[in-house]
């Protein structure tokens, strides 16, 4: 039997080389599933995105998903992509096994924790407060640089990485510390700020049962203050902020290889809900 991809509509083209198209997965012309693909030109080297791959239940376990995934890679190569990325829910064990068999590597995880019914207590001698205007300006400059570095590490040229980071921060914090639904706090020890955390409310991504969630966009302990438990204290501040906002869930992203941060989050009860995967297209 022959498994192929059949377009379900015209190729959608966007600015700067963006592309998207849906396909039926067909066996001898009979649809048995669907694939959605995209090309993202703004993430460094031209990147293909496997947005979804679904095989009908009656046709699972016959290698259809493997062949469809390989066919999707061929389409993306034809679009000039040099790598492919996808996101797999943590509960999708079969999809994770398939990704592993096809040599996808994990680039990061989205972690989640239910916000406790009572706000956690902070360690003795530690407090938090809103950032001052001067602290916000200093924090924002550092946050923009840190986020830009994550894009240059993915292959985006430095000027584009900086521009993307600036744009993201403008979009999420249009009114600085007065932005509705955004909370920026300094962790204070003996009157001095030793770290900062940025938490924001955001609508859940479908399909999600909760009305909204809180998301930790940035947590940073200043140099000279690390290794003293302040990262843990900042995460407790994040939980307090989420609790105060009435959000039932707190999420964040941790990069693969960031073992200290992953260990901290695990010790605080965070669990993986999404696996971010990538693979070079040779």
Protein backbone atom coordinates (compact mmCIF):
# COMPACT_ATOMS: atom_id res chain seq x y z
CA UNK A 1 0.00 0.00 0.00
CA UNK A 2 1.16 3.55 -0.80
CA UNK A 3 0.88 6.36 1.76
CA UNK A 4 0.93 9.89 0.34
CA UNK A 5 0.03 13.46 1.28
CA UNK A 6 -2.71 15.16 -0.73
CA UNK A 7 -3.18 18.96 -0.39
CA UNK A 8 -6.55 20.00 0.99
CA UNK A 9 -6.28 23.58 -0.26
CA UNK A 10 -3.99 26.12 -1.92
CA UNK A 11 -0.59 26.99 -0.53
CA UNK A 12 -0.97 29.99 1.78
CA UNK A 13 1.83 32.54 1.48
CA UNK A 14 2.63 35.30 3.95
CA UNK A 15 5.19 38.03 4.39
CA UNK A 16 8.91 37.26 4.21
CA UNK A 17 8.44 33.73 2.88
CA UNK A 18 5.96 32.34 5.41
CA UNK A 19 3.94 29.38 4.07
CA UNK A 20 1.20 27.07 5.31
CA UNK A 21 -0.82 24.19 3.89
CA UNK A 22 -2.99 21.32 5.05
CA UNK A 23 -2.88 17.79 3.69
CA UNK A 24 -4.85 14.58 3.84
CA UNK A 25 -2.82 11.48 4.63
CA UNK A 26 -3.95 8.96 2.01
CA UNK A 27 -3.41 5.23 1.59
CA UNK A 28 -4.03 4.25 -2.03
CA UNK A 29 -6.03 7.45 -2.37
CA UNK A 30 -8.16 6.81 0.76
CA UNK A 31 -7.91 9.54 3.44
CA UNK A 32 -6.75 8.12 6.77
CA UNK A 33 -5.59 11.27 8.55
CA UNK A 34 -4.41 14.86 8.26
CA UNK A 35 -1.21 16.90 8.41
CA UNK A 36 -0.78 20.65 8.81
CA UNK A 37 2.55 22.24 7.85
CA UNK A 38 4.00 25.74 7.92
CA UNK A 39 7.23 27.52 7.10
CA UNK A 40 8.42 30.11 9.62
CA UNK A 41 11.06 32.41 8.10
CA UNK A 42 11.62 34.39 11.30
CA UNK A 43 13.26 31.81 13.58
CA UNK A 44 16.77 31.73 12.17
CA UNK A 45 17.38 29.22 9.35
CA UNK A 46 14.14 28.61 7.40
CA UNK A 47 12.15 26.43 9.77
CA UNK A 48 9.37 24.01 8.98
CA UNK A 49 6.62 23.59 11.54
CA UNK A 50 4.71 20.34 11.90
CA UNK A 51 1.58 21.88 13.36
CA UNK A 52 -0.36 18.66 13.62
CA UNK A 53 -0.34 15.05 12.45
CA UNK A 54 -3.41 12.89 13.03
CA UNK A 55 -4.10 9.34 11.91
CA UNK A 56 -7.63 7.92 12.18
CA UNK A 57 -7.93 5.47 15.04
CA UNK A 58 -8.82 2.56 12.75
CA UNK A 59 -5.59 3.05 10.79
CA UNK A 60 -3.17 3.44 13.68
CA UNK A 61 -0.43 0.94 14.45
CA UNK A 62 0.34 0.30 10.78
CA UNK A 63 3.18 2.76 10.24
CA UNK A 64 0.95 5.39 8.61
CA UNK A 65 2.14 8.10 11.02
CA UNK A 66 5.81 7.33 10.35
CA UNK A 67 5.40 7.53 6.58
CA UNK A 68 3.27 10.68 6.87
CA UNK A 69 5.90 12.36 9.08
CA UNK A 70 8.67 11.50 6.60
CA UNK A 71 6.54 12.77 3.72
CA UNK A 72 5.95 15.99 5.65
CA UNK A 73 9.71 16.43 6.02
CA UNK A 74 10.09 16.05 2.24
CA UNK A 75 7.49 18.77 1.66
CA UNK A 76 9.32 21.11 4.01
CA UNK A 77 12.65 20.41 2.32
CA UNK A 78 10.97 21.46 -0.91
CA UNK A 79 9.98 24.69 0.78
CA UNK A 80 13.64 25.37 1.56
CA UNK A 81 13.47 24.48 5.25
CA UNK A 82 16.64 23.27 6.93
CA UNK A 83 15.02 22.09 10.15
CA UNK A 84 11.61 21.07 11.48
CA UNK A 85 10.00 21.82 14.84
CA UNK A 86 6.88 20.49 16.51
CA UNK A 87 5.14 20.45 19.88
CA UNK A 88 3.79 17.22 21.38
CA UNK A 89 1.54 17.02 24.46
CA UNK A 90 3.14 15.11 27.31
CA UNK A 91 0.25 12.64 27.42
CA UNK A 92 0.67 11.71 23.73
CA UNK A 93 2.95 8.75 24.40
CA UNK A 94 2.66 7.28 20.90
CA UNK A 95 3.55 10.60 19.26
CA UNK A 96 6.56 11.00 21.55
CA UNK A 97 7.74 7.49 20.67
CA UNK A 98 7.35 8.27 16.97
CA UNK A 99 9.33 11.50 17.34
CA UNK A 100 12.10 9.65 19.14
CA UNK A 101 12.24 6.97 16.45
CA UNK A 102 12.56 9.68 13.80
CA UNK A 103 15.48 11.35 15.66
CA UNK A 104 13.71 14.44 16.91
CA UNK A 105 15.51 16.05 19.87
CA UNK A 106 13.89 17.95 22.69
CA UNK A 107 14.64 21.69 22.68
CA UNK A 108 12.54 22.52 25.72
CA UNK A 109 9.43 21.82 27.74
CA UNK A 110 6.38 23.74 28.84
CA UNK A 111 5.78 23.01 32.51
CA UNK A 112 2.62 23.50 34.53
CA UNK A 113 1.55 23.60 38.14
CA UNK A 114 -1.85 24.03 39.72
CA UNK A 115 -1.89 27.21 41.77
CA UNK A 116 -2.26 26.21 45.44
CA UNK A 117 -5.48 27.20 47.25
CA UNK A 118 -3.44 29.27 49.70
CA UNK A 119 -0.54 31.52 48.67
CA UNK A 120 2.81 30.08 49.75
CA UNK A 121 4.82 31.78 52.47
CA UNK A 122 8.14 33.36 51.53
CA UNK A 123 11.33 32.40 53.40
CA UNK A 124 12.23 34.50 56.40
CA UNK A 125 14.06 37.71 55.61
CA UNK A 126 12.77 37.75 52.03
CA UNK A 127 10.07 40.02 50.63
CA UNK A 128 8.83 41.23 47.27
CA UNK A 129 7.59 44.53 45.90
CA UNK A 130 6.71 46.07 42.52
CA UNK A 131 9.58 47.33 40.42
CA UNK A 132 10.31 51.03 40.53
CA UNK A 133 10.41 52.89 37.22
CA UNK A 134 14.22 52.92 37.32
CA UNK A 135 14.35 49.20 38.12
CA UNK A 136 11.90 48.48 35.31
CA UNK A 137 14.10 50.25 32.76
CA UNK A 138 17.14 48.31 33.95
CA UNK A 139 15.26 45.01 34.10
CA UNK A 140 13.74 45.50 30.64
CA UNK A 141 17.12 46.15 29.04
CA UNK A 142 18.50 42.95 30.56
CA UNK A 143 15.39 40.93 29.71
CA UNK A 144 15.51 42.04 26.08
CA UNK A 145 19.16 40.99 25.85
CA UNK A 146 18.51 37.59 27.47
CA UNK A 147 15.57 36.84 25.20
CA UNK A 148 17.49 37.99 22.11
CA UNK A 149 20.28 35.54 23.00
CA UNK A 150 17.80 32.65 22.92
CA UNK A 151 17.06 33.56 19.29
CA UNK A 152 20.68 33.97 18.24
CA UNK A 153 21.34 30.52 19.72
CA UNK A 154 18.66 29.21 17.33
CA UNK A 155 20.47 30.77 14.38
CA UNK A 156 18.69 34.12 14.01
CA UNK A 157 21.07 36.97 13.05
CA UNK A 158 21.84 39.26 15.97
CA UNK A 159 20.02 42.30 14.58
CA UNK A 160 16.85 40.31 13.86
CA UNK A 161 17.03 38.59 17.25
CA UNK A 162 17.25 41.96 18.96
CA UNK A 163 14.38 43.35 16.90
CA UNK A 164 12.21 40.33 17.66
CA UNK A 165 12.93 40.57 21.38
CA UNK A 166 12.15 44.29 21.42
CA UNK A 167 8.89 43.70 19.54
CA UNK A 168 7.81 40.92 21.89
CA UNK A 169 8.45 43.05 24.96
CA UNK A 170 6.60 46.02 23.45
CA UNK A 171 3.65 43.79 22.64
CA UNK A 172 3.44 42.16 26.08
CA UNK A 173 4.31 45.24 28.14
CA UNK A 174 2.89 48.19 26.17
CA UNK A 175 2.42 50.27 29.33
CA UNK A 176 5.41 49.03 31.30
CA UNK A 177 4.65 48.23 34.91
CA UNK A 178 1.11 49.58 34.40
CA UNK A 179 0.28 46.94 31.76
CA UNK A 180 -2.96 45.24 32.71
CA UNK A 181 -2.52 41.60 33.72
CA UNK A 182 1.28 41.89 33.95
CA UNK A 183 3.09 41.66 37.27
CA UNK A 184 6.75 42.56 37.74
CA UNK A 185 8.22 42.08 41.18
CA UNK A 186 11.62 42.49 42.79
CA UNK A 187 12.80 40.03 45.41
CA UNK A 188 14.18 42.05 48.30
CA UNK A 189 16.70 40.94 50.94
CA UNK A 190 17.97 43.44 53.53
CA UNK A 191 16.45 46.25 51.51
CA UNK A 192 18.26 45.33 48.27
CA UNK A 193 16.74 43.77 45.15
CA UNK A 194 18.44 40.44 44.41
CA UNK A 195 16.23 39.23 41.57
CA UNK A 196 13.11 39.85 39.50
CA UNK A 197 10.16 37.88 38.18
CA UNK A 198 7.64 38.67 35.44
CA UNK A 199 4.29 36.91 35.55
CA UNK A 200 1.35 37.68 33.28
CA UNK A 201 -2.19 36.50 32.81
CA UNK A 202 -2.96 35.07 29.40
CA UNK A 203 -5.82 33.18 27.80
CA UNK A 204 -5.31 29.41 27.61
CA UNK A 205 -4.30 27.80 24.33
CA UNK A 206 -6.95 25.44 22.94
CA UNK A 207 -7.95 22.82 23.75
CA UNK A 208 -7.80 23.83 27.42
CA UNK A 209 -10.41 23.37 30.17
CA UNK A 210 -9.38 26.38 32.27
CA UNK A 211 -10.60 29.91 31.64
CA UNK A 212 -7.15 31.47 31.90
CA UNK A 213 -3.65 30.84 33.17
CA UNK A 214 -0.68 32.72 34.53
CA UNK A 215 2.65 32.45 32.76
CA UNK A 216 6.18 33.09 34.04
CA UNK A 217 7.90 34.97 31.23
CA UNK A 218 11.11 35.81 33.04
CA UNK A 219 12.76 34.88 36.33
CA UNK A 220 16.24 36.19 37.02
CA UNK A 221 18.57 36.21 40.02
CA UNK A 222 21.31 38.81 39.88
CA UNK A 223 24.94 37.79 39.67
CA UNK A 224 26.48 37.56 43.10
CA UNK A 225 23.19 36.39 44.61
CA UNK A 226 22.92 32.97 43.00
CA UNK A 227 23.06 29.66 44.83
CA UNK A 228 21.29 31.07 47.88
CA UNK A 229 17.75 29.88 47.21
CA UNK A 230 16.50 33.12 45.69
CA UNK A 231 15.36 31.40 42.49
CA UNK A 232 13.04 29.23 44.56
CA UNK A 233 11.82 32.30 46.44
CA UNK A 234 11.07 34.07 43.14
CA UNK A 235 9.00 31.11 41.99
CA UNK A 236 7.03 31.31 45.24
CA UNK A 237 6.44 34.99 44.46
CA UNK A 238 5.15 33.87 41.03
CA UNK A 239 2.70 31.49 42.72
CA UNK A 240 1.50 34.27 45.00
CA UNK A 241 0.93 36.54 42.00
CA UNK A 242 -0.99 33.82 40.15
CA UNK A 243 -3.08 33.18 43.25
CA UNK A 244 -3.87 36.87 43.60
CA UNK A 245 -4.93 37.02 39.95
CA UNK A 246 -7.28 34.06 40.43
CA UNK A 247 -5.48 31.94 37.83
CA UNK A 248 -5.88 28.19 38.44
CA UNK A 249 -2.67 27.26 36.63
CA UNK A 250 0.87 28.58 36.33
CA UNK A 251 3.03 27.73 33.33
CA UNK A 252 6.57 28.38 32.13
CA UNK A 253 9.11 27.18 29.57
CA UNK A 254 12.43 25.56 30.38
CA UNK A 255 15.09 24.96 27.75
CA UNK A 256 16.60 21.53 27.28
CA UNK A 257 19.92 21.34 29.02
CA UNK A 258 19.01 23.85 31.72
CA UNK A 259 19.35 21.17 34.35
CA UNK A 260 19.46 23.44 37.43
CA UNK A 261 16.24 25.22 36.47
CA UNK A 262 14.50 21.96 35.53
CA UNK A 263 15.47 20.47 38.89
CA UNK A 264 14.15 23.51 40.75
CA UNK A 265 10.82 23.43 38.91
CA UNK A 266 10.42 19.69 39.48
CA UNK A 267 11.08 20.15 43.21
CA UNK A 268 8.31 22.77 43.28
CA UNK A 269 5.80 20.40 41.71
CA UNK A 270 5.84 21.50 38.08
CA UNK A 271 5.15 18.79 35.51
CA UNK A 272 5.73 18.72 31.73
CA UNK A 273 2.65 19.33 29.62
CA UNK A 274 4.25 20.05 26.24
CA UNK A 275 7.47 18.77 24.66
CA UNK A 276 9.11 21.10 22.11
CA UNK A 277 11.02 19.03 19.55
CA UNK A 278 13.35 19.81 16.67
CA UNK A 279 15.24 17.99 13.94
CA UNK A 280 17.63 19.11 11.19
CA UNK A 281 16.45 18.47 7.64
CA UNK A 282 19.56 17.24 5.87
